[in-house]
C-alpha atoms as a PDB file:
ATOM      1  CA  MET A   1     -18.285   1.042  41.552  1.00  0.00           C
ATOM      2  CA  ILE A   2     -17.626  -2.625  42.124  1.00  0.00           C
ATOM      3  CA  ALA A   3     -19.482  -3.732  45.222  1.00  0.00           C
ATOM      4  CA  GLY A   4     -18.229  -6.388  47.599  1.00  0.00           C
ATOM      5  CA  ASP A   5     -15.633  -7.023  50.273  1.00  0.00           C
ATOM      6  CA  ARG A   6     -11.972  -6.115  50.058  1.00  0.00           C
ATOM      7  CA  PRO A   7     -10.806  -9.363  48.351  1.00  0.00           C
ATOM      8  CA  ARG A   8     -13.264  -8.727  45.513  1.00  0.00           C
ATOM      9  CA  ILE A   9     -11.986  -5.169  45.047  1.00  0.00           C
ATOM     10  CA  ILE A  10      -8.370  -6.370  45.119  1.00  0.00           C
ATOM     11  CA  GLY A  11      -9.175  -9.095  42.581  1.00  0.00           C
ATOM     12  CA  TRP A  12     -10.644  -6.640  40.079  1.00  0.00           C
ATOM     13  CA  THR A  13      -7.733  -4.273  40.688  1.00  0.00           C
ATOM     14  CA  VAL A  14      -5.363  -7.084  39.687  1.00  0.00           C
ATOM     15  CA  VAL A  15      -7.379  -7.585  36.484  1.00  0.00           C
ATOM     16  CA  ALA A  16      -7.029  -3.876  35.683  1.00  0.00           C
ATOM     17  CA  MET A  17      -3.262  -3.946  36.298  1.00  0.00           C
ATOM     18  CA  ILE A  18      -2.858  -6.944  33.966  1.00  0.00           C
ATOM     19  CA  ALA A  19      -4.790  -5.021  31.299  1.00  0.00           C
ATOM     20  CA  PHE A  20      -2.492  -2.008  31.735  1.00  0.00           C
ATOM     21  CA  ALA A  21       0.582  -4.202  31.389  1.00  0.00           C
ATOM     22  CA  ALA A  22      -0.906  -5.829  28.292  1.00  0.00           C
ATOM     23  CA  ASN A  23      -1.094  -2.397  26.662  1.00  0.00           C
ATOM     24  CA  SER A  24       2.658  -1.902  27.127  1.00  0.00           C
ATOM     25  CA  VAL A  25       3.489  -5.335  25.730  1.00  0.00           C
ATOM     26  CA  LEU A  26       1.094  -5.022  22.781  1.00  0.00           C
ATOM     27  CA  CYS A  27       2.337  -1.533  21.913  1.00  0.00           C
ATOM     28  CA  ARG A  28       6.004  -2.540  22.026  1.00  0.00           C
ATOM     29  CA  TRP A  29       5.230  -5.682  20.043  1.00  0.00           C
ATOM     30  CA  ALA A  30       3.442  -3.731  17.338  1.00  0.00           C
ATOM     31  CA  LEU A  31       5.916  -0.857  17.010  1.00  0.00           C
ATOM     32  CA  ASP A  32       9.004  -3.071  17.187  1.00  0.00           C
ATOM     33  CA  ARG A  33       7.940  -6.051  15.097  1.00  0.00           C
ATOM     34  CA  THR A  34       5.419  -4.706  12.567  1.00  0.00           C
ATOM     35  CA  THR A  35       5.334  -1.758  10.178  1.00  0.00           C
ATOM     36  CA  ILE A  36       2.450   0.062  11.886  1.00  0.00           C
ATOM     37  CA  ASP A  37       3.354   3.585  12.999  1.00  0.00           C
ATOM     38  CA  PRO A  38       2.457   5.125  16.396  1.00  0.00           C
ATOM     39  CA  ALA A  39      -0.237   7.391  14.942  1.00  0.00           C
ATOM     40  CA  ALA A  40      -2.075   4.508  13.314  1.00  0.00           C
ATOM     41  CA  PHE A  41      -1.667   2.344  16.412  1.00  0.00           C
ATOM     42  CA  THR A  42      -3.163   5.080  18.611  1.00  0.00           C
ATOM     43  CA  GLY A  43      -6.048   5.805  16.255  1.00  0.00           C
ATOM     44  CA  ILE A  44      -6.996   2.138  15.863  1.00  0.00           C
ATOM     45  CA  ARG A  45      -6.623   1.584  19.617  1.00  0.00           C
ATOM     46  CA  LEU A  46      -9.004   4.421  20.496  1.00  0.00           C
ATOM     47  CA  ALA A  47     -11.515   3.458  17.804  1.00  0.00           C
ATOM     48  CA  ALA A  48     -11.483  -0.221  18.811  1.00  0.00           C
ATOM     49  CA  GLY A  49     -12.028   0.723  22.445  1.00  0.00           C
ATOM     50  CA  ALA A  50     -15.008   2.893  21.542  1.00  0.00           C
ATOM     51  CA  VAL A  51     -16.584   0.119  19.448  1.00  0.00           C
ATOM     52  CA  MET A  52     -16.062  -2.545  22.120  1.00  0.00           C
ATOM     53  CA  LEU A  53     -17.598  -0.403  24.865  1.00  0.00           C
ATOM     54  CA  TRP A  54     -20.538   0.546  22.656  1.00  0.00           C
ATOM     55  CA  LEU A  55     -21.166  -3.149  21.971  1.00  0.00           C
ATOM     56  CA  CYS A  56     -21.011  -3.897  25.716  1.00  0.00           C
ATOM     57  CA  LEU A  57     -23.644  -1.245  26.388  1.00  0.00           C
ATOM     58  CA  ARG A  58     -25.819  -2.586  23.573  1.00  0.00           C
ATOM     59  CA  ALA A  59     -25.467  -6.152  24.880  1.00  0.00           C
ATOM     60  CA  GLY A  60     -26.693  -4.937  28.248  1.00  0.00           C
ATOM     61  CA  ARG A  61     -29.606  -3.216  26.527  1.00  0.00           C
ATOM     62  CA  ARG A  62     -28.303   0.143  27.610  1.00  0.00           C
ATOM     63  CA  THR A  63     -27.607   3.223  25.552  1.00  0.00           C
ATOM     64  CA  GLY A  64     -24.801   5.568  26.395  1.00  0.00           C
ATOM     65  CA  GLY A  65     -26.634   8.616  25.067  1.00  0.00           C
ATOM     66  CA  GLY A  66     -27.540  10.210  21.758  1.00  0.00           C
ATOM     67  CA  VAL A  67     -25.666  10.111  18.496  1.00  0.00           C
ATOM     68  CA  TRP A  68     -23.447  13.065  19.442  1.00  0.00           C
ATOM     69  CA  PRO A  69     -20.699  11.908  21.813  1.00  0.00           C
ATOM     70  CA  GLY A  70     -21.241  14.937  24.048  1.00  0.00           C
ATOM     71  CA  SER A  71     -24.571  13.438  25.167  1.00  0.00           C
ATOM     72  CA  TRP A  72     -22.834  10.332  26.567  1.00  0.00           C
ATOM     73  CA  PRO A  73     -21.680   9.967  30.187  1.00  0.00           C
ATOM     74  CA  GLY A  74     -18.070  10.861  30.816  1.00  0.00           C
ATOM     75  CA  SER A  75     -16.539  14.223  30.023  1.00  0.00           C
ATOM     76  CA  TRP A  76     -14.433  16.053  27.496  1.00  0.00           C
ATOM     77  CA  ALA A  77     -11.808  16.468  30.217  1.00  0.00           C
ATOM     78  CA  GLY A  78     -11.657  12.691  30.638  1.00  0.00           C
ATOM     79  CA  ALA A  79     -11.491  12.200  26.869  1.00  0.00           C
ATOM     80  CA  ALA A  80      -8.713  14.785  26.542  1.00  0.00           C
ATOM     81  CA  ALA A  81      -6.678  13.062  29.267  1.00  0.00           C
ATOM     82  CA  LEU A  82      -7.295   9.652  27.665  1.00  0.00           C
ATOM     83  CA  SER A  83      -6.299  10.885  24.215  1.00  0.00           C
ATOM     84  CA  ALA A  84      -3.176  12.661  25.472  1.00  0.00           C
ATOM     85  CA  TYR A  85      -2.099   9.555  27.358  1.00  0.00           C
ATOM     86  CA  ALA A  86      -2.669   7.205  24.399  1.00  0.00           C
ATOM     87  CA  ALA A  87      -0.931   9.409  21.820  1.00  0.00           C
ATOM     88  CA  ALA A  88       2.110  10.264  23.949  1.00  0.00           C
ATOM     89  CA  PHE A  89       2.366   6.607  25.029  1.00  0.00           C
ATOM     90  CA  SER A  90       2.629   5.310  21.457  1.00  0.00           C
ATOM     91  CA  PHE A  91       5.064   7.936  20.196  1.00  0.00           C
ATOM     92  CA  ALA A  92       7.263   7.580  23.294  1.00  0.00           C
ATOM     93  CA  TYR A  93       7.595   3.828  22.892  1.00  0.00           C
ATOM     94  CA  VAL A  94       9.244   4.296  19.504  1.00  0.00           C
ATOM     95  CA  GLY A  95      12.377   5.517  21.282  1.00  0.00           C
ATOM     96  CA  LEU A  96      12.200   3.823  24.679  1.00  0.00           C
ATOM     97  CA  PRO A  97      13.000   0.313  25.903  1.00  0.00           C
ATOM     98  CA  ALA A  98      10.018  -1.345  27.569  1.00  0.00           C
ATOM     99  CA  ALA A  99      11.439  -1.236  31.105  1.00  0.00           C
ATOM    100  CA  SER A 100      12.482   2.415  31.136  1.00  0.00           C
ATOM    101  CA  GLY A 101       9.250   3.447  29.428  1.00  0.00           C
ATOM    102  CA  ALA A 102       7.151   1.712  32.066  1.00  0.00           C
ATOM    103  CA  LEU A 103       9.209   3.255  34.862  1.00  0.00           C
ATOM    104  CA  LEU A 104       8.795   6.777  33.477  1.00  0.00           C
ATOM    105  CA  LEU A 105       5.084   6.262  32.805  1.00  0.00           C
ATOM    106  CA  PHE A 106       4.029   4.943  36.184  1.00  0.00           C
ATOM    107  CA  GLY A 107       6.496   7.094  38.075  1.00  0.00           C
ATOM    108  CA  ALA A 108       4.705  10.109  36.589  1.00  0.00           C
ATOM    109  CA  VAL A 109       1.354   8.508  37.415  1.00  0.00           C
ATOM    110  CA  GLN A 110       2.403   8.048  41.024  1.00  0.00           C
ATOM    111  CA  VAL A 111       3.631  11.629  41.424  1.00  0.00           C
ATOM    112  CA  THR A 112       0.476  13.045  39.825  1.00  0.00           C
ATOM    113  CA  MET A 113      -1.995  11.035  41.896  1.00  0.00           C
ATOM    114  CA  ILE A 114      -0.205  11.237  45.239  1.00  0.00           C
ATOM    115  CA  ALA A 115       0.261  14.993  44.829  1.00  0.00           C
ATOM    116  CA  ALA A 116      -3.440  15.369  44.062  1.00  0.00           C
ATOM    117  CA  GLY A 117      -4.350  13.253  47.086  1.00  0.00           C
ATOM    118  CA  LEU A 118      -2.167  15.313  49.422  1.00  0.00           C
ATOM    119  CA  ILE A 119      -3.618  18.550  48.052  1.00  0.00           C
ATOM    120  CA  ARG A 120      -7.112  17.206  48.745  1.00  0.00           C
ATOM    121  CA  GLY A 121      -6.210  16.406  52.330  1.00  0.00           C
ATOM    122  CA  GLU A 122      -5.277  12.710  52.197  1.00  0.00           C
ATOM    123  CA  ARG A 123      -2.623  11.769  54.708  1.00  0.00           C
ATOM    124  CA  LEU A 124      -0.358   8.736  54.597  1.00  0.00           C
ATOM    125  CA  ARG A 125       0.754   6.719  57.578  1.00  0.00           C
ATOM    126  CA  PRO A 126       4.482   6.063  58.053  1.00  0.00           C
ATOM    127  CA  LEU A 127       4.030   2.451  56.904  1.00  0.00           C
ATOM    128  CA  GLN A 128       2.406   3.663  53.691  1.00  0.00           C
ATOM    129  CA  TRP A 129       5.297   6.035  53.001  1.00  0.00           C
ATOM    130  CA  LEU A 130       7.680   3.131  53.583  1.00  0.00           C
ATOM    131  CA  GLY A 131       5.717   1.049  51.072  1.00  0.00           C
ATOM    132  CA  ILE A 132       5.846   3.789  48.447  1.00  0.00           C
ATOM    133  CA  MET A 133       9.611   4.172  48.899  1.00  0.00           C
ATOM    134  CA  LEU A 134      10.128   0.416  48.720  1.00  0.00           C
ATOM    135  CA  ALA A 135       8.066   0.101  45.536  1.00  0.00           C
ATOM    136  CA  ALA A 136       9.728   3.107  43.908  1.00  0.00           C
ATOM    137  CA  GLY A 137      13.153   1.797  44.913  1.00  0.00           C
ATOM    138  CA  GLY A 138      12.341  -1.509  43.276  1.00  0.00           C
ATOM    139  CA  LEU A 139      11.520   0.263  40.028  1.00  0.00           C
ATOM    140  CA  VAL A 140      14.760   2.241  40.156  1.00  0.00           C
ATOM    141  CA  ALA A 141      16.612  -1.036  40.671  1.00  0.00           C
ATOM    142  CA  LEU A 142      14.882  -2.378  37.576  1.00  0.00           C
ATOM    143  CA  LEU A 143      16.959   0.067  35.534  1.00  0.00           C
ATOM    144  CA  ALA A 144      20.153  -0.170  37.591  1.00  0.00           C
ATOM    145  CA  PRO A 145      23.297  -1.835  36.163  1.00  0.00           C
ATOM    146  CA  GLY A 146      22.453  -5.441  35.436  1.00  0.00           C
ATOM    147  CA  ALA A 147      18.848  -4.712  34.451  1.00  0.00           C
ATOM    148  CA  GLN A 148      17.608  -5.485  30.988  1.00  0.00           C
ATOM    149  CA  ILE A 149      18.295  -2.099  29.383  1.00  0.00           C
ATOM    150  CA  GLN A 150      20.563  -1.567  26.405  1.00  0.00           C
ATOM    151  CA  GLN A 151      20.816   2.223  26.141  1.00  0.00           C
ATOM    152  CA  ALA A 152      19.939   5.458  27.873  1.00  0.00           C
ATOM    153  CA  PRO A 153      16.387   6.682  27.205  1.00  0.00           C
ATOM    154  CA  ASP A 154      15.938   9.125  24.347  1.00  0.00           C
ATOM    155  CA  PRO A 155      15.247  12.572  25.929  1.00  0.00           C
ATOM    156  CA  ILE A 156      12.278  13.458  23.718  1.00  0.00           C
ATOM    157  CA  ALA A 157      10.740  10.017  24.167  1.00  0.00           C
ATOM    158  CA  ALA A 158      11.284  10.277  27.929  1.00  0.00           C
ATOM    159  CA  VAL A 159       9.483  13.623  28.079  1.00  0.00           C
ATOM    160  CA  LEU A 160       6.607  12.178  26.040  1.00  0.00           C
ATOM    161  CA  MET A 161       6.300   9.225  28.420  1.00  0.00           C
ATOM    162  CA  LEU A 162       6.325  11.520  31.458  1.00  0.00           C
ATOM    163  CA  ALA A 163       3.544  13.545  29.838  1.00  0.00           C
ATOM    164  CA  SER A 164       1.656  10.314  29.125  1.00  0.00           C
ATOM    165  CA  GLY A 165       1.934   9.309  32.779  1.00  0.00           C
ATOM    166  CA  ALA A 166       0.699  12.697  33.983  1.00  0.00           C
ATOM    167  CA  ALA A 167      -2.269  12.450  31.594  1.00  0.00           C
ATOM    168  CA  TRP A 168      -3.098   8.935  32.818  1.00  0.00           C
ATOM    169  CA  GLY A 169      -2.895  10.128  36.413  1.00  0.00           C
ATOM    170  CA  ALA A 170      -5.356  12.907  35.568  1.00  0.00           C
ATOM    171  CA  TYR A 171      -7.648  10.419  33.810  1.00  0.00           C
ATOM    172  CA  SER A 172      -7.631   8.153  36.862  1.00  0.00           C
ATOM    173  CA  LEU A 173      -8.434  11.063  39.188  1.00  0.00           C
ATOM    174  CA  ILE A 174     -11.313  12.159  36.972  1.00  0.00           C
ATOM    175  CA  GLY A 175     -12.581   8.559  36.968  1.00  0.00           C
ATOM    176  CA  ARG A 176     -12.956   8.497  40.762  1.00  0.00           C
ATOM    177  CA  ARG A 177     -16.126  10.563  40.353  1.00  0.00           C
ATOM    178  CA  SER A 178     -17.768   8.045  38.014  1.00  0.00           C
ATOM    179  CA  ARG A 179     -21.050   6.426  39.094  1.00  0.00           C
ATOM    180  CA  ASP A 180     -21.385   4.282  35.964  1.00  0.00           C
ATOM    181  CA  PRO A 181     -17.889   3.041  35.013  1.00  0.00           C
ATOM    182  CA  LEU A 182     -18.816   1.238  31.782  1.00  0.00           C
ATOM    183  CA  ALA A 183     -20.882   4.090  30.354  1.00  0.00           C
ATOM    184  CA  THR A 184     -18.377   6.711  31.499  1.00  0.00           C
ATOM    185  CA  THR A 185     -15.470   4.880  29.874  1.00  0.00           C
ATOM    186  CA  ALA A 186     -17.523   4.430  26.701  1.00  0.00           C
ATOM    187  CA  GLY A 187     -18.326   8.156  26.682  1.00  0.00           C
ATOM    188  CA  ASN A 188     -14.682   9.088  27.048  1.00  0.00           C
ATOM    189  CA  PHE A 189     -13.672   6.776  24.208  1.00  0.00           C
ATOM    190  CA  MET A 190     -16.489   8.112  22.020  1.00  0.00           C
ATOM    191  CA  ARG A 191     -15.279  11.651  22.610  1.00  0.00           C
ATOM    192  CA  SER A 192     -11.757  10.563  21.642  1.00  0.00           C
ATOM    193  CA  LEU A 193     -12.898   9.476  18.164  1.00  0.00           C
ATOM    194  CA  PRO A 194     -12.141  12.853  16.474  1.00  0.00           C
ATOM    195  CA  LEU A 195      -8.498  12.464  17.507  1.00  0.00           C
ATOM    196  CA  ALA A 196      -8.540   8.851  16.290  1.00  0.00           C
ATOM    197  CA  VAL A 197      -9.711  10.007  12.872  1.00  0.00           C
ATOM    198  CA  LEU A 198      -7.057  12.746  12.720  1.00  0.00           C
ATOM    199  CA  LEU A 199      -4.367  10.168  13.470  1.00  0.00           C
ATOM    200  CA  LEU A 200      -5.721   7.486  11.148  1.00  0.00           C
ATOM    201  CA  VAL A 201      -6.185   9.525   7.955  1.00  0.00           C
ATOM    202  CA  PRO A 202      -2.520  10.443   7.398  1.00  0.00           C
ATOM    203  CA  ALA A 203      -1.461   6.973   8.511  1.00  0.00           C
ATOM    204  CA  LEU A 204      -3.740   5.367   5.923  1.00  0.00           C
ATOM    205  CA  LEU A 205      -2.427   7.708   3.224  1.00  0.00           C
ATOM    206  CA  ARG A 206       1.121   6.576   4.032  1.00  0.00           C
ATOM    207  CA  MET A 207      -0.031   2.949   4.320  1.00  0.00           C
ATOM    208  CA  GLU A 208       2.219   2.438   7.376  1.00  0.00           C
ATOM    209  CA  ILE A 209       0.129  -0.445   8.691  1.00  0.00           C
ATOM    210  CA  ASP A 210      -0.047  -4.199   8.324  1.00  0.00           C
ATOM    211  CA  LEU A 211      -2.515  -6.843   9.432  1.00  0.00           C
ATOM    212  CA  GLN A 212      -0.520  -7.970  12.461  1.00  0.00           C
ATOM    213  CA  GLY A 213      -0.035  -4.388  13.626  1.00  0.00           C
ATOM    214  CA  VAL A 214      -3.744  -3.676  13.204  1.00  0.00           C
ATOM    215  CA  ALA A 215      -4.646  -6.839  15.135  1.00  0.00           C
ATOM    216  CA  LEU A 216      -2.365  -5.831  18.020  1.00  0.00           C
ATOM    217  CA  ALA A 217      -3.834  -2.313  18.068  1.00  0.00           C
ATOM    218  CA  VAL A 218      -7.376  -3.712  18.089  1.00  0.00           C
ATOM    219  CA  ALA A 219      -6.513  -6.068  20.958  1.00  0.00           C
ATOM    220  CA  SER A 220      -4.983  -3.190  22.884  1.00  0.00           C
ATOM    221  CA  GLY A 221      -7.984  -0.934  22.283  1.00  0.00           C
ATOM    222  CA  ALA A 222     -10.888  -3.350  22.598  1.00  0.00           C
ATOM    223  CA  VAL A 223      -9.692  -5.587  25.440  1.00  0.00           C
ATOM    224  CA  ALA A 224      -6.753  -4.118  27.340  1.00  0.00           C
ATOM    225  CA  SER A 225      -7.964  -0.521  27.053  1.00  0.00           C
ATOM    226  CA  GLY A 226     -11.747  -0.535  26.644  1.00  0.00           C
ATOM    227  CA  LEU A 227     -12.640  -3.322  29.058  1.00  0.00           C
ATOM    228  CA  GLY A 228      -9.569  -2.817  31.261  1.00  0.00           C
ATOM    229  CA  TYR A 229     -10.270   0.870  31.822  1.00  0.00           C
ATOM    230  CA  ALA A 230     -13.921   0.182  32.608  1.00  0.00           C
ATOM    231  CA  VAL A 231     -12.797  -2.192  35.365  1.00  0.00           C
ATOM    232  CA  TRP A 232     -10.313   0.423  36.621  1.00  0.00           C
ATOM    233  CA  TYR A 233     -13.003   3.114  36.778  1.00  0.00           C
ATOM    234  CA  ALA A 234     -15.155   0.649  38.725  1.00  0.00           C
ATOM    235  CA  VAL A 235     -12.562   0.034  41.449  1.00  0.00           C
ATOM    236  CA  LEU A 236     -11.215   3.594  41.698  1.00  0.00           C
ATOM    237  CA  PRO A 237     -13.888   4.889  44.124  1.00  0.00           C
ATOM    238  CA  ALA A 238     -12.759   2.250  46.642  1.00  0.00           C
ATOM    239  CA  LEU A 239      -9.129   3.420  46.499  1.00  0.00           C
ATOM    240  CA  GLY A 240      -7.460   6.556  47.777  1.00  0.00           C
ATOM    241  CA  ALA A 241      -5.400   8.550  45.286  1.00  0.00           C
ATOM    242  CA  ALA A 242      -2.133   7.392  46.883  1.00  0.00           C
ATOM    243  CA  GLN A 243      -3.274   3.760  46.904  1.00  0.00           C
ATOM    244  CA  ALA A 244      -4.385   3.950  43.273  1.00  0.00           C
ATOM    245  CA  ALA A 245      -1.032   5.452  42.286  1.00  0.00           C
ATOM    246  CA  SER A 246       1.001   2.876  44.200  1.00  0.00           C
ATOM    247  CA  VAL A 247      -0.967  -0.114  42.891  1.00  0.00           C
ATOM    248  CA  GLN A 248      -0.063   0.942  39.359  1.00  0.00           C
ATOM    249  CA  LEU A 249       3.626   0.563  40.198  1.00  0.00           C
ATOM    250  CA  SER A 250       3.065  -3.166  39.729  1.00  0.00           C
ATOM    251  CA  VAL A 251       2.436  -2.682  36.007  1.00  0.00           C
ATOM    252  CA  PRO A 252       6.101  -2.467  34.901  1.00  0.00           C
ATOM    253  CA  VAL A 253       6.818  -5.737  36.702  1.00  0.00           C
ATOM    254  CA  ILE A 254       3.796  -7.438  35.120  1.00  0.00           C
ATOM    255  CA  ALA A 255       4.770  -6.009  31.724  1.00  0.00           C
ATOM    256  CA  ALA A 256       8.297  -7.383  32.130  1.00  0.00           C
ATOM    257  CA  LEU A 257       6.888 -10.838  32.855  1.00  0.00           C
ATOM    258  CA  GLY A 258       4.565 -10.531  29.859  1.00  0.00           C
ATOM    259  CA  GLY A 259       7.498  -9.532  27.681  1.00  0.00           C
ATOM    260  CA  THR A 260       9.328 -12.646  28.840  1.00  0.00           C
ATOM    261  CA  MET A 261       6.488 -14.920  27.792  1.00  0.00           C
ATOM    262  CA  LEU A 262       5.510 -13.164  24.560  1.00  0.00           C
ATOM    263  CA  LEU A 263       8.647 -11.400  23.371  1.00  0.00           C
ATOM    264  CA  GLY A 264      11.287 -13.882  24.515  1.00  0.00           C
ATOM    265  CA  GLU A 265      12.968 -11.779  27.219  1.00  0.00           C
ATOM    266  CA  ALA A 266      14.803 -13.794  29.872  1.00  0.00           C
ATOM    267  CA  ILE A 267      13.730 -13.914  33.532  1.00  0.00           C
ATOM    268  CA  THR A 268      16.634 -13.043  35.834  1.00  0.00           C
ATOM    269  CA  TRP A 269      17.102 -13.112  39.594  1.00  0.00           C
ATOM    270  CA  HIS A 270      17.388  -9.339  39.364  1.00  0.00           C
ATOM    271  CA  LEU A 271      13.853  -9.155  37.979  1.00  0.00           C
ATOM    272  CA  VAL A 272      12.559 -11.548  40.639  1.00  0.00           C
ATOM    273  CA  VAL A 273      14.023  -9.468  43.499  1.00  0.00           C
ATOM    274  CA  VAL A 274      12.688  -6.238  41.981  1.00  0.00           C
ATOM    275  CA  SER A 275       9.239  -7.785  41.608  1.00  0.00           C
ATOM    276  CA  VAL A 276       9.192  -8.775  45.279  1.00  0.00           C
ATOM    277  CA  ALA A 277      10.217  -5.247  46.313  1.00  0.00           C
ATOM    278  CA  VAL A 278       7.556  -3.556  44.180  1.00  0.00           C
ATOM    279  CA  LEU A 279       4.695  -5.875  45.102  1.00  0.00           C
ATOM    280  CA  GLY A 280       5.728  -5.888  48.773  1.00  0.00           C
ATOM    281  CA  GLY A 281       5.766  -2.104  48.840  1.00  0.00           C
ATOM    282  CA  ILE A 282       2.300  -1.978  47.304  1.00  0.00           C
ATOM    283  CA  ALA A 283       1.038  -4.404  49.936  1.00  0.00           C
ATOM    284  CA  LEU A 284       2.255  -2.023  52.662  1.00  0.00           C
ATOM    285  CA  VAL A 285       0.407   0.889  51.055  1.00  0.00           C
ATOM    286  CA  ILE A 286      -2.881  -0.983  50.739  1.00  0.00           C
ATOM    287  CA  ARG A 287      -2.865  -2.900  54.049  1.00  0.00           C
ATOM    288  CA  PRO A 288      -3.671  -0.004  56.424  1.00  0.00           C
ATOM    289  CA  ALA A 289      -6.710   0.953  54.356  1.00  0.00           C
ATOM    290  CA  ALA A 290      -7.886  -2.653  54.272  1.00  0.00           C
ATOM    291  CA  ARG A 291      -8.005  -2.656  58.051  1.00  0.00           C
ATOM    292  CA  GLY A 292      -9.829   0.629  58.206  1.00  0.00           C
END
């Protein structure tokens, strides 16, 4: 867990959200503008994350465990949730626009984590409920007439993205129990390597990859996923399940801004107003806890 006062926790949470948004932008970039397929992208992403986290542990003169991944911190449940999220995420983005994909993903995350929090006895104040509704309403407005969306989401892709969001919500909930975020994240990525191999072998046989696609997958896995998820696991113990879910609603907005800078999408007043609604709603959810 990241120690320190509330501003420090909020700062690292922002870093984690930027990393999450970077994954969406990098994935869309790779699948839309290179010849890499979603299986290869997922396999390289998971493998790159495992290597980066292993190097971080080595640099800190720490070992995650023995040679067998099962001896590392983390869990097979965490690895299964991570793998399910990553695979469904990549395959869903083949048939989804960036905005609708992000909405489906983090909407499912929010439902999963808030439901789990309520089941475990967490209770929200009226102001927090208002913040959640404001943030969710902002995301709905992102896809309303006038938003940057060209076609209705593909049903199969939409279901895959909803499943990806549920898996990420489960991964985040599992991560709240972590006492060593870096080693736990490394262990989960190490356990995901068998899936990475299964995805990579057929992709290599079909040769559906190129250097730019590989580079984007490595960046997504090593930086945005490996390091980003370690930071997220570090801040999770300081957040309630509802707070953690609501904070992640900022990711579609950040991803839209990233797409503007990197993929040439235009910034509109519609996007600006939606961003204010989402971030303002998140502020209402977090503020009561900050005072407590």
